[in-house]
Amino acid sequence: MGLKDTIKMMESNDYKERFRAEYWQVRIRFEKLESMIKKWENRELDFIPTCPKSIYCLQLNMMQDYINLLEARAELENIEL
């Protein structure tokens, strides 16, 4: 799934669909950032990042916390992700 695939879900009148879209958008961005950090560590990036790696790692950790929170909420609200 890509970010474009979440557009219809975000526009839904059903809050569960919007919730799924939010979850997948964060997951997609998390996976892309995680991939970038791994490439950076392996010296495989094709650009020079502006921020220090520690900032990106902190962002990744916060995104993981948010994903975990959304997963817990989905379970409590019976939302299938």
PDB file of N, CA and C in Angstrom:
ATOM      1  N   MET A   1       0.852  -1.181   0.000  1.00  0.00           N
ATOM      2  CA  MET A   1       0.000   0.000   0.000  1.00  0.00           C
ATOM      3  C   MET A   1       0.893   1.238   0.000  1.00  0.00           C
ATOM      4  N   GLY A   2       0.480   2.248  -0.764  1.00  0.00           N
ATOM      5  CA  GLY A   2       1.181   3.525  -0.797  1.00  0.00           C
ATOM      6  C   GLY A   2       0.304   4.625  -0.231  1.00  0.00           C
ATOM      7  N   LEU A   3       0.879   5.795  -0.020  1.00  0.00           N
ATOM      8  CA  LEU A   3       0.106   6.910   0.535  1.00  0.00           C
ATOM      9  C   LEU A   3      -1.111   7.237  -0.326  1.00  0.00           C
ATOM     10  N   LYS A   4      -0.965   7.155  -1.643  1.00  0.00           N
ATOM     11  CA  LYS A   4      -2.087   7.457  -2.542  1.00  0.00           C
ATOM     12  C   LYS A   4      -3.263   6.516  -2.309  1.00  0.00           C
ATOM     13  N   ASP A   5      -2.956   5.304  -1.861  1.00  0.00           N
ATOM     14  CA  ASP A   5      -4.015   4.315  -1.623  1.00  0.00           C
ATOM     15  C   ASP A   5      -4.858   4.638  -0.394  1.00  0.00           C
ATOM     16  N   THR A   6      -4.433   5.605   0.401  1.00  0.00           N
ATOM     17  CA  THR A   6      -5.172   5.954   1.620  1.00  0.00           C
ATOM     18  C   THR A   6      -6.102   7.152   1.425  1.00  0.00           C
ATOM     19  N   ILE A   7      -6.066   7.763   0.258  1.00  0.00           N
ATOM     20  CA  ILE A   7      -6.845   8.989   0.031  1.00  0.00           C
ATOM     21  C   ILE A   7      -8.346   8.753   0.206  1.00  0.00           C
ATOM     22  N   LYS A   8      -8.874   7.722  -0.434  1.00  0.00           N
ATOM     23  CA  LYS A   8     -10.316   7.457  -0.325  1.00  0.00           C
ATOM     24  C   LYS A   8     -10.713   7.159   1.111  1.00  0.00           C
ATOM     25  N   MET A   9      -9.850   6.442   1.831  1.00  0.00           N
ATOM     26  CA  MET A   9     -10.149   6.141   3.238  1.00  0.00           C
ATOM     27  C   MET A   9     -10.216   7.430   4.056  1.00  0.00           C
ATOM     28  N   MET A  10      -9.312   8.382   3.787  1.00  0.00           N
ATOM     29  CA  MET A  10      -9.300   9.646   4.538  1.00  0.00           C
ATOM     30  C   MET A  10     -10.563  10.464   4.279  1.00  0.00           C
ATOM     31  N   GLU A  11     -11.139  10.314   3.110  1.00  0.00           N
ATOM     32  CA  GLU A  11     -12.323  11.083   2.740  1.00  0.00           C
ATOM     33  C   GLU A  11     -13.623  10.407   3.154  1.00  0.00           C
ATOM     34  N   SER A  12     -13.525   9.240   3.756  1.00  0.00           N
ATOM     35  CA  SER A  12     -14.710   8.464   4.139  1.00  0.00           C
ATOM     36  C   SER A  12     -15.491   9.152   5.259  1.00  0.00           C
ATOM     37  N   ASN A  13     -16.790   8.900   5.290  1.00  0.00           N
ATOM     38  CA  ASN A  13     -17.624   9.365   6.398  1.00  0.00           C
ATOM     39  C   ASN A  13     -17.530   8.430   7.597  1.00  0.00           C
ATOM     40  N   ASP A  14     -16.953   7.268   7.396  1.00  0.00           N
ATOM     41  CA  ASP A  14     -16.804   6.259   8.445  1.00  0.00           C
ATOM     42  C   ASP A  14     -15.503   6.508   9.209  1.00  0.00           C
ATOM     43  N   TYR A  15     -15.611   6.780  10.498  1.00  0.00           N
ATOM     44  CA  TYR A  15     -14.418   7.101  11.278  1.00  0.00           C
ATOM     45  C   TYR A  15     -13.433   5.937  11.323  1.00  0.00           C
ATOM     46  N   LYS A  16     -13.925   4.713  11.203  1.00  0.00           N
ATOM     47  CA  LYS A  16     -13.023   3.559  11.217  1.00  0.00           C
ATOM     48  C   LYS A  16     -12.157   3.536   9.956  1.00  0.00           C
ATOM     49  N   GLU A  17     -12.732   3.930   8.845  1.00  0.00           N
ATOM     50  CA  GLU A  17     -11.954   4.013   7.603  1.00  0.00           C
ATOM     51  C   GLU A  17     -10.911   5.121   7.706  1.00  0.00           C
ATOM     52  N   ARG A  18     -11.302   6.267   8.274  1.00  0.00           N
ATOM     53  CA  ARG A  18     -10.344   7.359   8.450  1.00  0.00           C
ATOM     54  C   ARG A  18      -9.232   6.946   9.414  1.00  0.00           C
ATOM     55  N   PHE A  19      -9.595   6.188  10.438  1.00  0.00           N
ATOM     56  CA  PHE A  19      -8.621   5.681  11.401  1.00  0.00           C
ATOM     57  C   PHE A  19      -7.618   4.764  10.693  1.00  0.00           C
ATOM     58  N   ARG A  20      -8.118   3.853   9.861  1.00  0.00           N
ATOM     59  CA  ARG A  20      -7.240   2.955   9.103  1.00  0.00           C
ATOM     60  C   ARG A  20      -6.285   3.754   8.217  1.00  0.00           C
ATOM     61  N   ALA A  21      -6.812   4.780   7.575  1.00  0.00           N
ATOM     62  CA  ALA A  21      -5.976   5.616   6.709  1.00  0.00           C
ATOM     63  C   ALA A  21      -4.866   6.277   7.516  1.00  0.00           C
ATOM     64  N   GLU A  22      -5.212   6.809   8.662  1.00  0.00           N
ATOM     65  CA  GLU A  22      -4.211   7.457   9.516  1.00  0.00           C
ATOM     66  C   GLU A  22      -3.135   6.457   9.926  1.00  0.00           C
ATOM     67  N   TYR A  23      -3.583   5.273  10.325  1.00  0.00           N
ATOM     68  CA  TYR A  23      -2.647   4.223  10.733  1.00  0.00           C
ATOM     69  C   TYR A  23      -1.693   3.871   9.592  1.00  0.00           C
ATOM     70  N   TRP A  24      -2.236   3.625   8.400  1.00  0.00           N
ATOM     71  CA  TRP A  24      -1.392   3.219   7.285  1.00  0.00           C
ATOM     72  C   TRP A  24      -0.479   4.338   6.813  1.00  0.00           C
ATOM     73  N   GLN A  25      -0.949   5.580   6.904  1.00  0.00           N
ATOM     74  CA  GLN A  25      -0.081   6.693   6.528  1.00  0.00           C
ATOM     75  C   GLN A  25       1.138   6.760   7.445  1.00  0.00           C
ATOM     76  N   VAL A  26       0.917   6.590   8.728  1.00  0.00           N
ATOM     77  CA  VAL A  26       2.041   6.609   9.675  1.00  0.00           C
ATOM     78  C   VAL A  26       2.956   5.418   9.425  1.00  0.00           C
ATOM     79  N   ARG A  27       2.376   4.234   9.209  1.00  0.00           N
ATOM     80  CA  ARG A  27       3.188   3.032   8.959  1.00  0.00           C
ATOM     81  C   ARG A  27       4.055   3.196   7.708  1.00  0.00           C
ATOM     82  N   ILE A  28       3.472   3.722   6.651  1.00  0.00           N
ATOM     83  CA  ILE A  28       4.207   3.911   5.398  1.00  0.00           C
ATOM     84  C   ILE A  28       5.363   4.885   5.612  1.00  0.00           C
ATOM     85  N   ARG A  29       5.082   5.994   6.274  1.00  0.00           N
ATOM     86  CA  ARG A  29       6.135   6.984   6.533  1.00  0.00           C
ATOM     87  C   ARG A  29       7.208   6.422   7.462  1.00  0.00           C
ATOM     88  N   PHE A  30       6.784   5.641   8.455  1.00  0.00           N
ATOM     89  CA  PHE A  30       7.720   4.999   9.376  1.00  0.00           C
ATOM     90  C   PHE A  30       8.675   4.088   8.604  1.00  0.00           C
ATOM     91  N   GLU A  31       8.117   3.257   7.747  1.00  0.00           N
ATOM     92  CA  GLU A  31       8.939   2.307   6.990  1.00  0.00           C
ATOM     93  C   GLU A  31       9.917   3.020   6.062  1.00  0.00           C
ATOM     94  N   LYS A  32       9.487   4.127   5.464  1.00  0.00           N
ATOM     95  CA  LYS A  32      10.381   4.882   4.584  1.00  0.00           C
ATOM     96  C   LYS A  32      11.506   5.539   5.378  1.00  0.00           C
ATOM     97  N   LEU A  33      11.179   6.104   6.531  1.00  0.00           N
ATOM     98  CA  LEU A  33      12.203   6.730   7.364  1.00  0.00           C
ATOM     99  C   LEU A  33      13.169   5.684   7.904  1.00  0.00           C
ATOM    100  N   GLU A  34      12.634   4.546   8.313  1.00  0.00           N
ATOM    101  CA  GLU A  34      13.479   3.459   8.805  1.00  0.00           C
ATOM    102  C   GLU A  34      14.446   2.997   7.712  1.00  0.00           C
ATOM    103  N   SER A  35      13.956   2.892   6.497  1.00  0.00           N
ATOM    104  CA  SER A  35      14.793   2.501   5.364  1.00  0.00           C
ATOM    105  C   SER A  35      15.895   3.533   5.123  1.00  0.00           C
ATOM    106  N   MET A  36      15.546   4.812   5.217  1.00  0.00           N
ATOM    107  CA  MET A  36      16.531   5.865   5.013  1.00  0.00           C
ATOM    108  C   MET A  36      17.636   5.779   6.063  1.00  0.00           C
ATOM    109  N   ILE A  37      17.254   5.573   7.320  1.00  0.00           N
ATOM    110  CA  ILE A  37      18.238   5.491   8.400  1.00  0.00           C
ATOM    111  C   ILE A  37      19.162   4.292   8.190  1.00  0.00           C
ATOM    112  N   LYS A  38      18.610   3.158   7.778  1.00  0.00           N
ATOM    113  CA  LYS A  38      19.441   1.970   7.514  1.00  0.00           C
ATOM    114  C   LYS A  38      20.420   2.238   6.371  1.00  0.00           C
ATOM    115  N   LYS A  39      19.946   2.899   5.323  1.00  0.00           N
ATOM    116  CA  LYS A  39      20.839   3.238   4.211  1.00  0.00           C
ATOM    117  C   LYS A  39      21.939   4.188   4.683  1.00  0.00           C
ATOM    118  N   TRP A  40      21.577   5.120   5.547  1.00  0.00           N
ATOM    119  CA  TRP A  40      22.545   6.070   6.091  1.00  0.00           C
ATOM    120  C   TRP A  40      23.623   5.314   6.858  1.00  0.00           C
ATOM    121  N   GLU A  41      23.194   4.389   7.693  1.00  0.00           N
ATOM    122  CA  GLU A  41      24.143   3.610   8.490  1.00  0.00           C
ATOM    123  C   GLU A  41      25.047   2.751   7.614  1.00  0.00           C
ATOM    124  N   ASN A  42      24.543   2.320   6.475  1.00  0.00           N
ATOM    125  CA  ASN A  42      25.329   1.502   5.540  1.00  0.00           C
ATOM    126  C   ASN A  42      26.048   2.342   4.483  1.00  0.00           C
ATOM    127  N   ARG A  43      25.971   3.663   4.645  1.00  0.00           N
ATOM    128  CA  ARG A  43      26.606   4.609   3.710  1.00  0.00           C
ATOM    129  C   ARG A  43      26.113   4.404   2.275  1.00  0.00           C
ATOM    130  N   GLU A  44      24.804   4.208   2.151  1.00  0.00           N
ATOM    131  CA  GLU A  44      24.196   3.970   0.840  1.00  0.00           C
ATOM    132  C   GLU A  44      23.247   5.089   0.412  1.00  0.00           C
ATOM    133  N   LEU A  45      23.179   6.163   1.183  1.00  0.00           N
ATOM    134  CA  LEU A  45      22.288   7.272   0.820  1.00  0.00           C
ATOM    135  C   LEU A  45      22.837   8.009  -0.394  1.00  0.00           C
ATOM    136  N   ASP A  46      21.934   8.478  -1.237  1.00  0.00           N
ATOM    137  CA  ASP A  46      22.357   9.230  -2.411  1.00  0.00           C
ATOM    138  C   ASP A  46      22.180  10.736  -2.209  1.00  0.00           C
ATOM    139  N   PHE A  47      22.064  11.152  -0.948  1.00  0.00           N
ATOM    140  CA  PHE A  47      21.978  12.570  -0.613  1.00  0.00           C
ATOM    141  C   PHE A  47      22.558  12.761   0.791  1.00  0.00           C
ATOM    142  N   ILE A  48      22.793  14.009   1.152  1.00  0.00           N
ATOM    143  CA  ILE A  48      23.303  14.320   2.488  1.00  0.00           C
ATOM    144  C   ILE A  48      22.156  14.914   3.300  1.00  0.00           C
ATOM    145  N   PRO A  49      21.717  14.221   4.361  1.00  0.00           N
ATOM    146  CA  PRO A  49      20.621  14.729   5.185  1.00  0.00           C
ATOM    147  C   PRO A  49      20.989  16.055   5.862  1.00  0.00           C
ATOM    148  N   THR A  50      19.998  16.883   6.055  1.00  0.00           N
ATOM    149  CA  THR A  50      20.201  18.178   6.679  1.00  0.00           C
ATOM    150  C   THR A  50      20.328  18.062   8.191  1.00  0.00           C
ATOM    151  N   CYS A  51      19.514  17.223   8.792  1.00  0.00           N
ATOM    152  CA  CYS A  51      19.497  17.061  10.250  1.00  0.00           C
ATOM    153  C   CYS A  51      20.464  15.964  10.673  1.00  0.00           C
ATOM    154  N   PRO A  52      20.895  16.017  11.931  1.00  0.00           N
ATOM    155  CA  PRO A  52      21.717  14.913  12.435  1.00  0.00           C
ATOM    156  C   PRO A  52      20.887  13.630  12.528  1.00  0.00           C
ATOM    157  N   LYS A  53      21.571  12.496  12.440  1.00  0.00           N
ATOM    158  CA  LYS A  53      20.888  11.205  12.476  1.00  0.00           C
ATOM    159  C   LYS A  53      20.066  11.049  13.751  1.00  0.00           C
ATOM    160  N   SER A  54      20.541  11.616  14.853  1.00  0.00           N
ATOM    161  CA  SER A  54      19.824  11.485  16.131  1.00  0.00           C
ATOM    162  C   SER A  54      18.411  12.059  16.054  1.00  0.00           C
ATOM    163  N   ILE A  55      18.218  13.109  15.287  1.00  0.00           N
ATOM    164  CA  ILE A  55      16.880  13.703  15.125  1.00  0.00           C
ATOM    165  C   ILE A  55      15.970  12.729  14.387  1.00  0.00           C
ATOM    166  N   TYR A  56      16.478  12.130  13.315  1.00  0.00           N
ATOM    167  CA  TYR A  56      15.680  11.167  12.555  1.00  0.00           C
ATOM    168  C   TYR A  56      15.360   9.936  13.397  1.00  0.00           C
ATOM    169  N   CYS A  57      16.324   9.501  14.204  1.00  0.00           N
ATOM    170  CA  CYS A  57      16.090   8.337  15.067  1.00  0.00           C
ATOM    171  C   CYS A  57      15.044   8.652  16.128  1.00  0.00           C
ATOM    172  N   LEU A  58      15.092   9.861  16.677  1.00  0.00           N
ATOM    173  CA  LEU A  58      14.079  10.275  17.651  1.00  0.00           C
ATOM    174  C   LEU A  58      12.701  10.306  17.000  1.00  0.00           C
ATOM    175  N   GLN A  59      12.624  10.844  15.794  1.00  0.00           N
ATOM    176  CA  GLN A  59      11.357  10.869  15.059  1.00  0.00           C
ATOM    177  C   GLN A  59      10.852   9.452  14.829  1.00  0.00           C
ATOM    178  N   LEU A  60      11.742   8.550  14.436  1.00  0.00           N
ATOM    179  CA  LEU A  60      11.360   7.162  14.190  1.00  0.00           C
ATOM    180  C   LEU A  60      10.802   6.522  15.460  1.00  0.00           C
ATOM    181  N   ASN A  61      11.453   6.768  16.591  1.00  0.00           N
ATOM    182  CA  ASN A  61      10.974   6.222  17.867  1.00  0.00           C
ATOM    183  C   ASN A  61       9.593   6.755  18.222  1.00  0.00           C
ATOM    184  N   MET A  62       9.374   8.042  17.998  1.00  0.00           N
ATOM    185  CA  MET A  62       8.066   8.631  18.297  1.00  0.00           C
ATOM    186  C   MET A  62       6.992   8.084  17.366  1.00  0.00           C
ATOM    187  N   MET A  63       7.357   7.875  16.123  1.00  0.00           N
ATOM    188  CA  MET A  63       6.406   7.290  15.177  1.00  0.00           C
ATOM    189  C   MET A  63       6.046   5.869  15.598  1.00  0.00           C
ATOM    190  N   GLN A  64       7.031   5.111  16.076  1.00  0.00           N
ATOM    191  CA  GLN A  64       6.759   3.748  16.544  1.00  0.00           C
ATOM    192  C   GLN A  64       5.816   3.776  17.740  1.00  0.00           C
ATOM    193  N   ASP A  65       6.035   4.722  18.654  1.00  0.00           N
ATOM    194  CA  ASP A  65       5.132   4.860  19.803  1.00  0.00           C
ATOM    195  C   ASP A  65       3.711   5.167  19.335  1.00  0.00           C
ATOM    196  N   TYR A  66       3.580   6.039  18.341  1.00  0.00           N
ATOM    197  CA  TYR A  66       2.260   6.403  17.829  1.00  0.00           C
ATOM    198  C   TYR A  66       1.596   5.203  17.150  1.00  0.00           C
ATOM    199  N   ILE A  67       2.366   4.443  16.399  1.00  0.00           N
ATOM    200  CA  ILE A  67       1.836   3.225  15.769  1.00  0.00           C
ATOM    201  C   ILE A  67       1.331   2.270  16.840  1.00  0.00           C
ATOM    202  N   ASN A  68       2.123   2.083  17.889  1.00  0.00           N
ATOM    203  CA  ASN A  68       1.718   1.199  18.987  1.00  0.00           C
ATOM    204  C   ASN A  68       0.425   1.681  19.634  1.00  0.00           C
ATOM    205  N   LEU A  69       0.306   2.991  19.815  1.00  0.00           N
ATOM    206  CA  LEU A  69      -0.899   3.565  20.408  1.00  0.00           C
ATOM    207  C   LEU A  69      -2.109   3.337  19.507  1.00  0.00           C
ATOM    208  N   LEU A  70      -1.943   3.561  18.213  1.00  0.00           N
ATOM    209  CA  LEU A  70      -3.046   3.340  17.275  1.00  0.00           C
ATOM    210  C   LEU A  70      -3.457   1.875  17.248  1.00  0.00           C
ATOM    211  N   GLU A  71      -2.487   0.971  17.327  1.00  0.00           N
ATOM    212  CA  GLU A  71      -2.811  -0.458  17.344  1.00  0.00           C
ATOM    213  C   GLU A  71      -3.581  -0.838  18.605  1.00  0.00           C
ATOM    214  N   ALA A  72      -3.191  -0.265  19.744  1.00  0.00           N
ATOM    215  CA  ALA A  72      -3.911  -0.540  20.992  1.00  0.00           C
ATOM    216  C   ALA A  72      -5.333   0.005  20.913  1.00  0.00           C
ATOM    217  N   ARG A  73      -5.465   1.209  20.397  1.00  0.00           N
ATOM    218  CA  ARG A  73      -6.787   1.813  20.265  1.00  0.00           C
ATOM    219  C   ARG A  73      -7.652   1.015  19.300  1.00  0.00           C
ATOM    220  N   ALA A  74      -7.070   0.559  18.197  1.00  0.00           N
ATOM    221  CA  ALA A  74      -7.822  -0.237  17.222  1.00  0.00           C
ATOM    222  C   ALA A  74      -8.360  -1.504  17.871  1.00  0.00           C
ATOM    223  N   GLU A  75      -7.559  -2.120  18.706  1.00  0.00           N
ATOM    224  CA  GLU A  75      -8.015  -3.336  19.380  1.00  0.00           C
ATOM    225  C   GLU A  75      -9.174  -3.029  20.329  1.00  0.00           C
ATOM    226  N   LEU A  76      -9.061  -1.944  21.077  1.00  0.00           N
ATOM    227  CA  LEU A  76     -10.121  -1.570  22.016  1.00  0.00           C
ATOM    228  C   LEU A  76     -11.415  -1.189  21.304  1.00  0.00           C
ATOM    229  N   GLU A  77     -11.288  -0.575  20.135  1.00  0.00           N
ATOM    230  CA  GLU A  77     -12.462  -0.104  19.397  1.00  0.00           C
ATOM    231  C   GLU A  77     -12.914  -1.092  18.325  1.00  0.00           C
ATOM    232  N   ASN A  78     -12.311  -2.271  18.302  1.00  0.00           N
ATOM    233  CA  ASN A  78     -12.655  -3.299  17.311  1.00  0.00           C
ATOM    234  C   ASN A  78     -12.534  -2.787  15.877  1.00  0.00           C
ATOM    235  N   ILE A  79     -11.406  -2.148  15.598  1.00  0.00           N
ATOM    236  CA  ILE A  79     -11.127  -1.661  14.248  1.00  0.00           C
ATOM    237  C   ILE A  79     -10.071  -2.574  13.642  1.00  0.00           C
ATOM    238  N   GLU A  80     -10.442  -3.243  12.560  1.00  0.00           N
ATOM    239  CA  GLU A  80      -9.495  -4.130  11.892  1.00  0.00           C
ATOM    240  C   GLU A  80      -8.547  -3.311  11.029  1.00  0.00           C
ATOM    241  N   LEU A  81      -7.270  -3.470  11.289  1.00  0.00           N
ATOM    242  CA  LEU A  81      -6.273  -2.739  10.513  1.00  0.00           C
ATOM    243  C   LEU A  81      -5.787  -3.604   9.372  1.00  0.00           C
TER     244      LEU A  81
END
